[in-house]
């Protein structure tokens, strides 16, 4: 049985200088995640006129 590949974005959390993957939500309206060290939460919304960029810095 083949696993379904989950869509993700790569994020560097500048608060703690760590990299983490942020996964798409069930509704497929945003990517949500948090810093693995301090727990700071981020949400990157999906919409028209967006970007093809797959890696981001969170401040």
Protein backbone atom coordinates (compact mmCIF):
# COMPACT_ATOMS: atom_id res chain seq x y z
CA UNK A 1 0.00 0.00 0.00
CA UNK A 2 1.41 3.38 -1.04
CA UNK A 3 1.26 6.33 1.38
CA UNK A 4 -0.37 9.55 0.26
CA UNK A 5 2.20 12.33 -0.04
CA UNK A 6 1.27 15.34 2.10
CA UNK A 7 1.87 18.78 0.64
CA UNK A 8 4.21 20.96 2.67
CA UNK A 9 6.20 24.18 2.67
CA UNK A 10 9.67 24.58 4.14
CA UNK A 11 9.92 27.33 6.76
CA UNK A 12 12.87 28.75 8.69
CA UNK A 13 11.54 30.10 11.98
CA UNK A 14 13.79 33.08 12.64
CA UNK A 15 12.66 33.26 16.28
CA UNK A 16 14.75 30.16 17.08
CA UNK A 17 16.76 29.77 13.85
CA UNK A 18 15.25 26.34 13.07
CA UNK A 19 13.79 24.75 9.94
CA UNK A 20 10.49 22.87 9.91
CA UNK A 21 7.93 21.64 7.43
CA UNK A 22 4.47 23.22 7.51
CA UNK A 23 1.67 21.01 6.17
CA UNK A 24 -1.55 21.85 4.33
CA UNK A 25 -4.74 21.76 6.41
CA UNK A 26 -7.63 19.35 5.79
CA UNK A 27 -9.71 22.03 4.07
CA UNK A 28 -6.78 22.79 1.71
CA UNK A 29 -7.15 26.52 2.42
CA UNK A 30 -3.85 27.16 4.23
CA UNK A 31 -0.58 25.72 5.44
CA UNK A 32 -0.40 25.70 9.25
CA UNK A 33 2.43 24.88 11.58
CA UNK A 34 4.53 26.01 14.49
CA UNK A 35 8.11 26.50 15.56
CA UNK A 36 9.40 23.21 16.97
CA UNK A 37 11.29 25.04 19.74
CA UNK A 38 9.10 27.89 21.04
CA UNK A 39 5.70 26.96 19.58
CA UNK A 40 5.12 30.19 17.61
CA UNK A 41 2.26 29.45 15.19
CA UNK A 42 2.04 30.47 11.54
CA UNK A 43 -0.60 30.21 8.85
CA UNK A 44 0.08 30.72 5.14
CA UNK A 45 -3.22 31.10 3.28
CA UNK A 46 -3.77 29.65 -0.18
CA UNK A 47 -5.50 31.87 -2.71
CA UNK A 48 -5.54 33.34 -6.19
CA UNK A 49 -2.54 35.45 -7.10
CA UNK A 50 -0.29 33.49 -4.73
CA UNK A 51 3.27 32.32 -5.27
CA UNK A 52 4.99 29.14 -6.44
CA UNK A 53 7.65 29.55 -3.74
CA UNK A 54 8.03 26.46 -1.52
CA UNK A 55 10.44 27.84 1.12
CA UNK A 56 9.88 30.80 3.45
CA UNK A 57 11.31 32.68 6.44
CA UNK A 58 8.93 33.32 9.35
CA UNK A 59 9.72 36.35 11.53
